Amino acid sequence: MLGADSYTVDFCWPKYRLAMEYDSEAFHGESNRKADAKRRNGLRYLGYLVIESNASDLRTTFDASRLAERLAALMKLKAKPRQFDVTAEKIKTHGQIMGLSTFP
């Protein structure tokens, strides 16, 4: 039924029966989609919840934080509260630097 003795996944939390696969075009293009689907179905058959993520989940620190919070919730863990928004700090700093620039 499984078609494999073992599976390799990007991230796995066996204690929580949770696996996460990161899809990128470089490694998960059209030619690999069938193999990816078979592996994910095998993991699900073994009782794992398989989460799929991609570049959009990591585009900004806010997006990455949302993904981390989702994973923590699935594991019923209390996520750390955000101490500050790194993206907002970068935008503020960029604005300050650009404000110093003057062109004749």
PDB file of N, CA and C in Angstrom:
ATOM      1  N   MET A   1       0.824  -1.205   0.000  1.00  0.00           N
ATOM      2  CA  MET A   1       0.000   0.000   0.000  1.00  0.00           C
ATOM      3  C   MET A   1       0.865   1.266   0.000  1.00  0.00           C
ATOM      4  N   LEU A   2       1.905   1.281   0.832  1.00  0.00           N
ATOM      5  CA  LEU A   2       2.713   2.487   0.966  1.00  0.00           C
ATOM      6  C   LEU A   2       3.695   2.674  -0.176  1.00  0.00           C
ATOM      7  N   GLY A   3       4.228   1.616  -0.704  1.00  0.00           N
ATOM      8  CA  GLY A   3       5.159   1.719  -1.821  1.00  0.00           C
ATOM      9  C   GLY A   3       6.551   2.167  -1.437  1.00  0.00           C
ATOM     10  N   ALA A   4       6.837   2.265  -0.136  1.00  0.00           N
ATOM     11  CA  ALA A   4       8.168   2.680   0.316  1.00  0.00           C
ATOM     12  C   ALA A   4       8.407   2.155   1.727  1.00  0.00           C
ATOM     13  N   ASP A   5       9.682   1.890   2.042  1.00  0.00           N
ATOM     14  CA  ASP A   5      10.033   1.465   3.399  1.00  0.00           C
ATOM     15  C   ASP A   5      10.122   2.653   4.349  1.00  0.00           C
ATOM     16  N   SER A   6      10.426   3.816   3.779  1.00  0.00           N
ATOM     17  CA  SER A   6      10.536   5.034   4.588  1.00  0.00           C
ATOM     18  C   SER A   6      10.278   6.248   3.698  1.00  0.00           C
ATOM     19  N   TYR A   7      10.050   7.359   4.360  1.00  0.00           N
ATOM     20  CA  TYR A   7       9.821   8.618   3.650  1.00  0.00           C
ATOM     21  C   TYR A   7      10.751   9.677   4.220  1.00  0.00           C
ATOM     22  N   THR A   8      11.200  10.560   3.358  1.00  0.00           N
ATOM     23  CA  THR A   8      11.975  11.711   3.792  1.00  0.00           C
ATOM     24  C   THR A   8      11.110  12.939   3.572  1.00  0.00           C
ATOM     25  N   VAL A   9      10.923  13.707   4.630  1.00  0.00           N
ATOM     26  CA  VAL A   9      10.117  14.921   4.536  1.00  0.00           C
ATOM     27  C   VAL A   9      10.967  16.104   4.973  1.00  0.00           C
ATOM     28  N   ASP A  10      10.508  17.300   4.652  1.00  0.00           N
ATOM     29  CA  ASP A  10      11.286  18.499   4.982  1.00  0.00           C
ATOM     30  C   ASP A  10      11.314  18.757   6.481  1.00  0.00           C
ATOM     31  N   PHE A  11      10.169  18.643   7.134  1.00  0.00           N
ATOM     32  CA  PHE A  11      10.063  18.846   8.582  1.00  0.00           C
ATOM     33  C   PHE A  11       9.114  17.798   9.129  1.00  0.00           C
ATOM     34  N   CYS A  12       9.447  17.251  10.291  1.00  0.00           N
ATOM     35  CA  CYS A  12       8.589  16.220  10.867  1.00  0.00           C
ATOM     36  C   CYS A  12       8.621  16.304  12.389  1.00  0.00           C
ATOM     37  N   TRP A  13       7.444  16.213  12.987  1.00  0.00           N
ATOM     38  CA  TRP A  13       7.279  16.180  14.427  1.00  0.00           C
ATOM     39  C   TRP A  13       6.536  14.882  14.764  1.00  0.00           C
ATOM     40  N   PRO A  14       7.261  13.749  14.866  1.00  0.00           N
ATOM     41  CA  PRO A  14       6.608  12.451  15.080  1.00  0.00           C
ATOM     42  C   PRO A  14       5.715  12.416  16.323  1.00  0.00           C
ATOM     43  N   LYS A  15       6.136  13.091  17.371  1.00  0.00           N
ATOM     44  CA  LYS A  15       5.339  13.108  18.608  1.00  0.00           C
ATOM     45  C   LYS A  15       3.926  13.630  18.343  1.00  0.00           C
ATOM     46  N   TYR A  16       3.806  14.547  17.399  1.00  0.00           N
ATOM     47  CA  TYR A  16       2.513  15.170  17.091  1.00  0.00           C
ATOM     48  C   TYR A  16       1.887  14.605  15.818  1.00  0.00           C
ATOM     49  N   ARG A  17       2.572  13.622  15.196  1.00  0.00           N
ATOM     50  CA  ARG A  17       2.098  13.036  13.934  1.00  0.00           C
ATOM     51  C   ARG A  17       1.866  14.134  12.899  1.00  0.00           C
ATOM     52  N   LEU A  18       2.833  15.051  12.811  1.00  0.00           N
ATOM     53  CA  LEU A  18       2.743  16.214  11.942  1.00  0.00           C
ATOM     54  C   LEU A  18       3.976  16.280  11.045  1.00  0.00           C
ATOM     55  N   ALA A  19       3.753  16.504   9.771  1.00  0.00           N
ATOM     56  CA  ALA A  19       4.857  16.659   8.814  1.00  0.00           C
ATOM     57  C   ALA A  19       4.574  17.895   7.977  1.00  0.00           C
ATOM     58  N   MET A  20       5.634  18.572   7.556  1.00  0.00           N
ATOM     59  CA  MET A  20       5.475  19.729   6.689  1.00  0.00           C
ATOM     60  C   MET A  20       6.389  19.563   5.486  1.00  0.00           C
ATOM     61  N   GLU A  21       5.833  19.756   4.325  1.00  0.00           N
ATOM     62  CA  GLU A  21       6.578  19.697   3.072  1.00  0.00           C
ATOM     63  C   GLU A  21       6.648  21.102   2.489  1.00  0.00           C
ATOM     64  N   TYR A  22       7.850  21.514   2.128  1.00  0.00           N
ATOM     65  CA  TYR A  22       8.056  22.819   1.498  1.00  0.00           C
ATOM     66  C   TYR A  22       8.148  22.603  -0.007  1.00  0.00           C
ATOM     67  N   ASP A  23       7.248  23.220  -0.728  1.00  0.00           N
ATOM     68  CA  ASP A  23       7.218  23.095  -2.187  1.00  0.00           C
ATOM     69  C   ASP A  23       7.907  24.282  -2.839  1.00  0.00           C
ATOM     70  N   SER A  24       8.928  23.986  -3.613  1.00  0.00           N
ATOM     71  CA  SER A  24       9.585  25.028  -4.396  1.00  0.00           C
ATOM     72  C   SER A  24       9.659  24.546  -5.833  1.00  0.00           C
ATOM     73  N   GLU A  25       9.670  25.436  -6.750  1.00  0.00           N
ATOM     74  CA  GLU A  25       9.751  25.044  -8.159  1.00  0.00           C
ATOM     75  C   GLU A  25      11.074  24.366  -8.470  1.00  0.00           C
ATOM     76  N   ALA A  26      12.118  24.728  -7.732  1.00  0.00           N
ATOM     77  CA  ALA A  26      13.433  24.139  -7.997  1.00  0.00           C
ATOM     78  C   ALA A  26      13.448  22.641  -7.728  1.00  0.00           C
ATOM     79  N   PHE A  27      12.745  22.201  -6.692  1.00  0.00           N
ATOM     80  CA  PHE A  27      12.779  20.792  -6.309  1.00  0.00           C
ATOM     81  C   PHE A  27      11.442  20.086  -6.454  1.00  0.00           C
ATOM     82  N   HIS A  28      10.371  20.825  -6.617  1.00  0.00           N
ATOM     83  CA  HIS A  28       9.043  20.214  -6.658  1.00  0.00           C
ATOM     84  C   HIS A  28       8.274  20.667  -7.894  1.00  0.00           C
ATOM     85  N   GLY A  29       8.940  20.676  -9.015  1.00  0.00           N
ATOM     86  CA  GLY A  29       8.292  21.053 -10.266  1.00  0.00           C
ATOM     87  C   GLY A  29       7.315  19.979 -10.719  1.00  0.00           C
ATOM     88  N   GLU A  30       6.776  20.168 -11.876  1.00  0.00           N
ATOM     89  CA  GLU A  30       5.742  19.281 -12.408  1.00  0.00           C
ATOM     90  C   GLU A  30       6.179  17.818 -12.455  1.00  0.00           C
ATOM     91  N   SER A  31       7.439  17.565 -12.758  1.00  0.00           N
ATOM     92  CA  SER A  31       7.916  16.182 -12.881  1.00  0.00           C
ATOM     93  C   SER A  31       7.871  15.428 -11.552  1.00  0.00           C
ATOM     94  N   ASN A  32       7.936  16.143 -10.437  1.00  0.00           N
ATOM     95  CA  ASN A  32       7.953  15.492  -9.130  1.00  0.00           C
ATOM     96  C   ASN A  32       6.601  15.471  -8.433  1.00  0.00           C
ATOM     97  N   ARG A  33       5.592  16.093  -9.014  1.00  0.00           N
ATOM     98  CA  ARG A  33       4.300  16.206  -8.333  1.00  0.00           C
ATOM     99  C   ARG A  33       3.671  14.858  -8.004  1.00  0.00           C
ATOM    100  N   LYS A  34       3.766  13.883  -8.910  1.00  0.00           N
ATOM    101  CA  LYS A  34       3.188  12.565  -8.637  1.00  0.00           C
ATOM    102  C   LYS A  34       3.898  11.878  -7.480  1.00  0.00           C
ATOM    103  N   ALA A  35       5.222  11.951  -7.460  1.00  0.00           N
ATOM    104  CA  ALA A  35       5.986  11.343  -6.364  1.00  0.00           C
ATOM    105  C   ALA A  35       5.667  12.047  -5.047  1.00  0.00           C
ATOM    106  N   ASP A  36       5.548  13.376  -5.087  1.00  0.00           N
ATOM    107  CA  ASP A  36       5.205  14.139  -3.885  1.00  0.00           C
ATOM    108  C   ASP A  36       3.835  13.712  -3.369  1.00  0.00           C
ATOM    109  N   ALA A  37       2.863  13.591  -4.258  1.00  0.00           N
ATOM    110  CA  ALA A  37       1.505  13.213  -3.865  1.00  0.00           C
ATOM    111  C   ALA A  37       1.487  11.808  -3.265  1.00  0.00           C
ATOM    112  N   LYS A  38       2.240  10.891  -3.854  1.00  0.00           N
ATOM    113  CA  LYS A  38       2.299   9.519  -3.347  1.00  0.00           C
ATOM    114  C   LYS A  38       2.908   9.490  -1.946  1.00  0.00           C
ATOM    115  N   ARG A  39       3.994  10.249  -1.754  1.00  0.00           N
ATOM    116  CA  ARG A  39       4.636  10.316  -0.437  1.00  0.00           C
ATOM    117  C   ARG A  39       3.685  10.907   0.593  1.00  0.00           C
ATOM    118  N   ARG A  40       3.014  11.984   0.248  1.00  0.00           N
ATOM    119  CA  ARG A  40       2.088  12.623   1.189  1.00  0.00           C
ATOM    120  C   ARG A  40       0.922  11.706   1.526  1.00  0.00           C
ATOM    121  N   ASN A  41       0.413  10.990   0.531  1.00  0.00           N
ATOM    122  CA  ASN A  41      -0.671  10.039   0.796  1.00  0.00           C
ATOM    123  C   ASN A  41      -0.199   8.914   1.707  1.00  0.00           C
ATOM    124  N   GLY A  42       1.038   8.459   1.513  1.00  0.00           N
ATOM    125  CA  GLY A  42       1.601   7.436   2.391  1.00  0.00           C
ATOM    126  C   GLY A  42       1.717   7.926   3.823  1.00  0.00           C
ATOM    127  N   LEU A  43       2.157   9.150   3.993  1.00  0.00           N
ATOM    128  CA  LEU A  43       2.260   9.733   5.338  1.00  0.00           C
ATOM    129  C   LEU A  43       0.884   9.845   5.977  1.00  0.00           C
ATOM    130  N   ARG A  44      -0.090  10.265   5.195  1.00  0.00           N
ATOM    131  CA  ARG A  44      -1.458  10.376   5.723  1.00  0.00           C
ATOM    132  C   ARG A  44      -1.994   9.003   6.119  1.00  0.00           C
ATOM    133  N   TYR A  45      -1.686   7.997   5.326  1.00  0.00           N
ATOM    134  CA  TYR A  45      -2.092   6.634   5.637  1.00  0.00           C
ATOM    135  C   TYR A  45      -1.490   6.194   6.980  1.00  0.00           C
ATOM    136  N   LEU A  46      -0.279   6.651   7.264  1.00  0.00           N
ATOM    137  CA  LEU A  46       0.384   6.330   8.528  1.00  0.00           C
ATOM    138  C   LEU A  46      -0.124   7.179   9.695  1.00  0.00           C
ATOM    139  N   GLY A  47      -1.073   8.061   9.429  1.00  0.00           N
ATOM    140  CA  GLY A  47      -1.675   8.856  10.499  1.00  0.00           C
ATOM    141  C   GLY A  47      -1.089  10.237  10.695  1.00  0.00           C
ATOM    142  N   TYR A  48      -0.288  10.689   9.732  1.00  0.00           N
ATOM    143  CA  TYR A  48       0.298  12.020   9.847  1.00  0.00           C
ATOM    144  C   TYR A  48      -0.609  13.072   9.210  1.00  0.00           C
ATOM    145  N   LEU A  49      -0.637  14.231   9.816  1.00  0.00           N
ATOM    146  CA  LEU A  49      -1.230  15.401   9.181  1.00  0.00           C
ATOM    147  C   LEU A  49      -0.094  16.037   8.389  1.00  0.00           C
ATOM    148  N   VAL A  50      -0.293  16.226   7.102  1.00  0.00           N
ATOM    149  CA  VAL A  50       0.759  16.777   6.247  1.00  0.00           C
ATOM    150  C   VAL A  50       0.373  18.197   5.854  1.00  0.00           C
ATOM    151  N   ILE A  51       1.212  19.141   6.232  1.00  0.00           N
ATOM    152  CA  ILE A  51       1.024  20.545   5.898  1.00  0.00           C
ATOM    153  C   ILE A  51       1.926  20.861   4.714  1.00  0.00           C
ATOM    154  N   GLU A  52       1.388  21.536   3.747  1.00  0.00           N
ATOM    155  CA  GLU A  52       2.170  21.965   2.590  1.00  0.00           C
ATOM    156  C   GLU A  52       2.438  23.460   2.708  1.00  0.00           C
ATOM    157  N   SER A  53       3.680  23.858   2.470  1.00  0.00           N
ATOM    158  CA  SER A  53       4.035  25.274   2.507  1.00  0.00           C
ATOM    159  C   SER A  53       4.839  25.605   1.262  1.00  0.00           C
ATOM    160  N   ASN A  54       4.966  26.894   1.003  1.00  0.00           N
ATOM    161  CA  ASN A  54       5.735  27.335  -0.162  1.00  0.00           C
ATOM    162  C   ASN A  54       6.311  28.719   0.133  1.00  0.00           C
ATOM    163  N   ALA A  55       6.905  29.327  -0.872  1.00  0.00           N
ATOM    164  CA  ALA A  55       7.586  30.614  -0.685  1.00  0.00           C
ATOM    165  C   ALA A  55       6.658  31.689  -0.143  1.00  0.00           C
ATOM    166  N   SER A  56       5.379  31.641  -0.488  1.00  0.00           N
ATOM    167  CA  SER A  56       4.457  32.675   0.002  1.00  0.00           C
ATOM    168  C   SER A  56       4.298  32.605   1.520  1.00  0.00           C
ATOM    169  N   ASP A  57       4.542  31.432   2.119  1.00  0.00           N
ATOM    170  CA  ASP A  57       4.460  31.302   3.573  1.00  0.00           C
ATOM    171  C   ASP A  57       5.657  31.926   4.276  1.00  0.00           C
ATOM    172  N   LEU A  58       6.698  32.242   3.515  1.00  0.00           N
ATOM    173  CA  LEU A  58       7.909  32.810   4.103  1.00  0.00           C
ATOM    174  C   LEU A  58       8.289  34.151   3.482  1.00  0.00           C
ATOM    175  N   ARG A  59       7.382  34.723   2.704  1.00  0.00           N
ATOM    176  CA  ARG A  59       7.679  35.966   1.991  1.00  0.00           C
ATOM    177  C   ARG A  59       8.059  37.092   2.935  1.00  0.00           C
ATOM    178  N   THR A  60       7.361  37.213   4.018  1.00  0.00           N
ATOM    179  CA  THR A  60       7.670  38.253   5.002  1.00  0.00           C
ATOM    180  C   THR A  60       7.784  37.601   6.375  1.00  0.00           C
ATOM    181  N   THR A  61       8.315  38.328   7.323  1.00  0.00           N
ATOM    182  CA  THR A  61       8.390  37.796   8.685  1.00  0.00           C
ATOM    183  C   THR A  61       6.991  37.582   9.243  1.00  0.00           C
ATOM    184  N   PHE A  62       6.033  38.397   8.835  1.00  0.00           N
ATOM    185  CA  PHE A  62       4.654  38.218   9.276  1.00  0.00           C
ATOM    186  C   PHE A  62       4.110  36.888   8.765  1.00  0.00           C
ATOM    187  N   ASP A  63       4.348  36.583   7.476  1.00  0.00           N
ATOM    188  CA  ASP A  63       3.882  35.326   6.897  1.00  0.00           C
ATOM    189  C   ASP A  63       4.526  34.136   7.602  1.00  0.00           C
ATOM    190  N   ALA A  64       5.830  34.201   7.845  1.00  0.00           N
ATOM    191  CA  ALA A  64       6.541  33.117   8.523  1.00  0.00           C
ATOM    192  C   ALA A  64       6.015  32.938   9.944  1.00  0.00           C
ATOM    193  N   SER A  65       5.730  34.049  10.604  1.00  0.00           N
ATOM    194  CA  SER A  65       5.195  33.990  11.952  1.00  0.00           C
ATOM    195  C   SER A  65       3.814  33.336  11.957  1.00  0.00           C
ATOM    196  N   ARG A  66       3.003  33.652  10.957  1.00  0.00           N
ATOM    197  CA  ARG A  66       1.682  33.031  10.837  1.00  0.00           C
ATOM    198  C   ARG A  66       1.794  31.524  10.651  1.00  0.00           C
ATOM    199  N   LEU A  67       2.748  31.088   9.837  1.00  0.00           N
ATOM    200  CA  LEU A  67       2.964  29.658   9.634  1.00  0.00           C
ATOM    201  C   LEU A  67       3.396  29.001  10.943  1.00  0.00           C
ATOM    202  N   ALA A  68       4.309  29.633  11.655  1.00  0.00           N
ATOM    203  CA  ALA A  68       4.773  29.092  12.935  1.00  0.00           C
ATOM    204  C   ALA A  68       3.628  28.991  13.937  1.00  0.00           C
ATOM    205  N   GLU A  69       2.767  29.999  13.954  1.00  0.00           N
ATOM    206  CA  GLU A  69       1.618  29.977  14.860  1.00  0.00           C
ATOM    207  C   GLU A  69       0.653  28.855  14.483  1.00  0.00           C
ATOM    208  N   ARG A  70       0.471  28.629  13.191  1.00  0.00           N
ATOM    209  CA  ARG A  70      -0.402  27.549  12.732  1.00  0.00           C
ATOM    210  C   ARG A  70       0.145  26.195  13.168  1.00  0.00           C
ATOM    211  N   LEU A  71       1.455  25.998  12.980  1.00  0.00           N
ATOM    212  CA  LEU A  71       2.079  24.746  13.393  1.00  0.00           C
ATOM    213  C   LEU A  71       1.977  24.550  14.902  1.00  0.00           C
ATOM    214  N   ALA A  72       2.220  25.603  15.656  1.00  0.00           N
ATOM    215  CA  ALA A  72       2.127  25.520  17.118  1.00  0.00           C
ATOM    216  C   ALA A  72       0.710  25.154  17.543  1.00  0.00           C
ATOM    217  N   ALA A  73      -0.288  25.737  16.895  1.00  0.00           N
ATOM    218  CA  ALA A  73      -1.679  25.430  17.224  1.00  0.00           C
ATOM    219  C   ALA A  73      -1.996  23.967  16.932  1.00  0.00           C
ATOM    220  N   LEU A  74      -1.503  23.444  15.815  1.00  0.00           N
ATOM    221  CA  LEU A  74      -1.741  22.042  15.470  1.00  0.00           C
ATOM    222  C   LEU A  74      -1.102  21.100  16.483  1.00  0.00           C
ATOM    223  N   MET A  75       0.009  21.545  17.080  1.00  0.00           N
ATOM    224  CA  MET A  75       0.682  20.736  18.092  1.00  0.00           C
ATOM    225  C   MET A  75       0.170  21.062  19.491  1.00  0.00           C
ATOM    226  N   LYS A  76      -0.810  21.968  19.537  1.00  0.00           N
ATOM    227  CA  LYS A  76      -1.377  22.414  20.812  1.00  0.00           C
ATOM    228  C   LYS A  76      -0.306  22.980  21.742  1.00  0.00           C
ATOM    229  N   LEU A  77       0.619  23.730  21.151  1.00  0.00           N
ATOM    230  CA  LEU A  77       1.670  24.410  21.894  1.00  0.00           C
ATOM    231  C   LEU A  77       1.336  25.882  21.966  1.00  0.00           C
ATOM    232  N   LYS A  78       1.754  26.514  23.014  1.00  0.00           N
ATOM    233  CA  LYS A  78       1.541  27.944  23.142  1.00  0.00           C
ATOM    234  C   LYS A  78       2.654  28.661  22.390  1.00  0.00           C
ATOM    235  N   ALA A  79       2.287  29.413  21.359  1.00  0.00           N
ATOM    236  CA  ALA A  79       3.279  30.146  20.571  1.00  0.00           C
ATOM    237  C   ALA A  79       3.776  31.340  21.382  1.00  0.00           C
ATOM    238  N   LYS A  80       5.034  31.686  21.174  1.00  0.00           N
ATOM    239  CA  LYS A  80       5.585  32.865  21.834  1.00  0.00           C
ATOM    240  C   LYS A  80       4.914  34.102  21.264  1.00  0.00           C
ATOM    241  N   PRO A  81       4.558  35.057  22.108  1.00  0.00           N
ATOM    242  CA  PRO A  81       3.991  36.297  21.571  1.00  0.00           C
ATOM    243  C   PRO A  81       5.049  37.049  20.777  1.00  0.00           C
ATOM    244  N   ARG A  82       4.608  37.755  19.786  1.00  0.00           N
ATOM    245  CA  ARG A  82       5.552  38.540  18.971  1.00  0.00           C
ATOM    246  C   ARG A  82       6.125  39.666  19.817  1.00  0.00           C
ATOM    247  N   GLN A  83       7.433  39.762  19.802  1.00  0.00           N
ATOM    248  CA  GLN A  83       8.073  40.827  20.556  1.00  0.00           C
ATOM    249  C   GLN A  83       8.058  42.125  19.767  1.00  0.00           C
ATOM    250  N   PHE A  84       8.251  42.044  18.488  1.00  0.00           N
ATOM    251  CA  PHE A  84       8.172  43.204  17.618  1.00  0.00           C
ATOM    252  C   PHE A  84       8.061  42.721  16.192  1.00  0.00           C
ATOM    253  N   ASP A  85       7.607  43.585  15.339  1.00  0.00           N
ATOM    254  CA  ASP A  85       7.437  43.230  13.935  1.00  0.00           C
ATOM    255  C   ASP A  85       8.691  43.639  13.182  1.00  0.00           C
ATOM    256  N   VAL A  86       9.508  42.648  12.812  1.00  0.00           N
ATOM    257  CA  VAL A  86      10.777  42.915  12.134  1.00  0.00           C
ATOM    258  C   VAL A  86      10.540  43.664  10.832  1.00  0.00           C
ATOM    259  N   THR A  87       9.492  43.300  10.106  1.00  0.00           N
ATOM    260  CA  THR A  87       9.204  43.954   8.829  1.00  0.00           C
ATOM    261  C   THR A  87       8.935  45.440   9.038  1.00  0.00           C
ATOM    262  N   ALA A  88       8.143  45.776  10.038  1.00  0.00           N
ATOM    263  CA  ALA A  88       7.848  47.181  10.317  1.00  0.00           C
ATOM    264  C   ALA A  88       9.124  47.935  10.676  1.00  0.00           C
ATOM    265  N   GLU A  89       9.993  47.292  11.440  1.00  0.00           N
ATOM    266  CA  GLU A  89      11.263  47.920  11.804  1.00  0.00           C
ATOM    267  C   GLU A  89      12.126  48.171  10.573  1.00  0.00           C
ATOM    268  N   LYS A  90      12.148  47.229   9.640  1.00  0.00           N
ATOM    269  CA  LYS A  90      12.933  47.397   8.413  1.00  0.00           C
ATOM    270  C   LYS A  90      12.374  48.545   7.576  1.00  0.00           C
ATOM    271  N   ILE A  91      11.073  48.611   7.459  1.00  0.00           N
ATOM    272  CA  ILE A  91      10.445  49.692   6.687  1.00  0.00           C
ATOM    273  C   ILE A  91      10.759  51.045   7.323  1.00  0.00           C
ATOM    274  N   LYS A  92      10.669  51.130   8.627  1.00  0.00           N
ATOM    275  CA  LYS A  92      10.971  52.379   9.348  1.00  0.00           C
ATOM    276  C   LYS A  92      12.430  52.792   9.109  1.00  0.00           C
ATOM    277  N   THR A  93      13.346  51.831   9.246  1.00  0.00           N
ATOM    278  CA  THR A  93      14.764  52.112   9.044  1.00  0.00           C
ATOM    279  C   THR A  93      15.035  52.541   7.608  1.00  0.00           C
ATOM    280  N   HIS A  94      14.417  51.852   6.641  1.00  0.00           N
ATOM    281  CA  HIS A  94      14.573  52.210   5.233  1.00  0.00           C
ATOM    282  C   HIS A  94      14.119  53.649   4.999  1.00  0.00           C
ATOM    283  N   GLY A  95      12.969  54.010   5.572  1.00  0.00           N
ATOM    284  CA  GLY A  95      12.459  55.376   5.437  1.00  0.00           C
ATOM    285  C   GLY A  95      13.414  56.405   6.019  1.00  0.00           C
ATOM    286  N   GLN A  96      14.015  56.068   7.163  1.00  0.00           N
ATOM    287  CA  GLN A  96      14.963  56.979   7.791  1.00  0.00           C
ATOM    288  C   GLN A  96      16.206  57.149   6.924  1.00  0.00           C
ATOM    289  N   ILE A  97      16.697  56.062   6.376  1.00  0.00           N
ATOM    290  CA  ILE A  97      17.886  56.135   5.510  1.00  0.00           C
ATOM    291  C   ILE A  97      17.570  56.953   4.268  1.00  0.00           C
ATOM    292  N   MET A  98      16.435  56.681   3.646  1.00  0.00           N
ATOM    293  CA  MET A  98      16.067  57.410   2.435  1.00  0.00           C
ATOM    294  C   MET A  98      15.840  58.880   2.737  1.00  0.00           C
ATOM    295  N   GLY A  99      15.396  59.192   3.918  1.00  0.00           N
ATOM    296  CA  GLY A  99      15.190  60.569   4.317  1.00  0.00           C
ATOM    297  C   GLY A  99      16.503  61.338   4.420  1.00  0.00           C
ATOM    298  N   LEU A 100      17.580  60.648   4.671  1.00  0.00           N
ATOM    299  CA  LEU A 100      18.897  61.272   4.760  1.00  0.00           C
ATOM    300  C   LEU A 100      19.482  61.562   3.392  1.00  0.00           C
ATOM    301  N   SER A 101      18.975  60.870   2.387  1.00  0.00           N
ATOM    302  CA  SER A 101      19.515  61.035   1.044  1.00  0.00           C
ATOM    303  C   SER A 101      18.973  62.307   0.415  1.00  0.00           C
ATOM    304  N   THR A 102      19.862  63.090  -0.115  1.00  0.00           N
ATOM    305  CA  THR A 102      19.437  64.284  -0.852  1.00  0.00           C
ATOM    306  C   THR A 102      20.116  64.276  -2.198  1.00  0.00           C
ATOM    307  N   PHE A 103      19.378  64.683  -3.174  1.00  0.00           N
ATOM    308  CA  PHE A 103      19.931  64.753  -4.529  1.00  0.00           C
ATOM    309  C   PHE A 103      19.925  66.191  -4.972  1.00  0.00           C
ATOM    310  N   PRO A 104      21.021  66.645  -5.602  1.00  0.00           N
ATOM    311  CA  PRO A 104      21.102  68.060  -6.036  1.00  0.00           C
ATOM    312  C   PRO A 104      20.098  68.376  -7.120  1.00  0.00           C
TER     313      PRO A 104
END
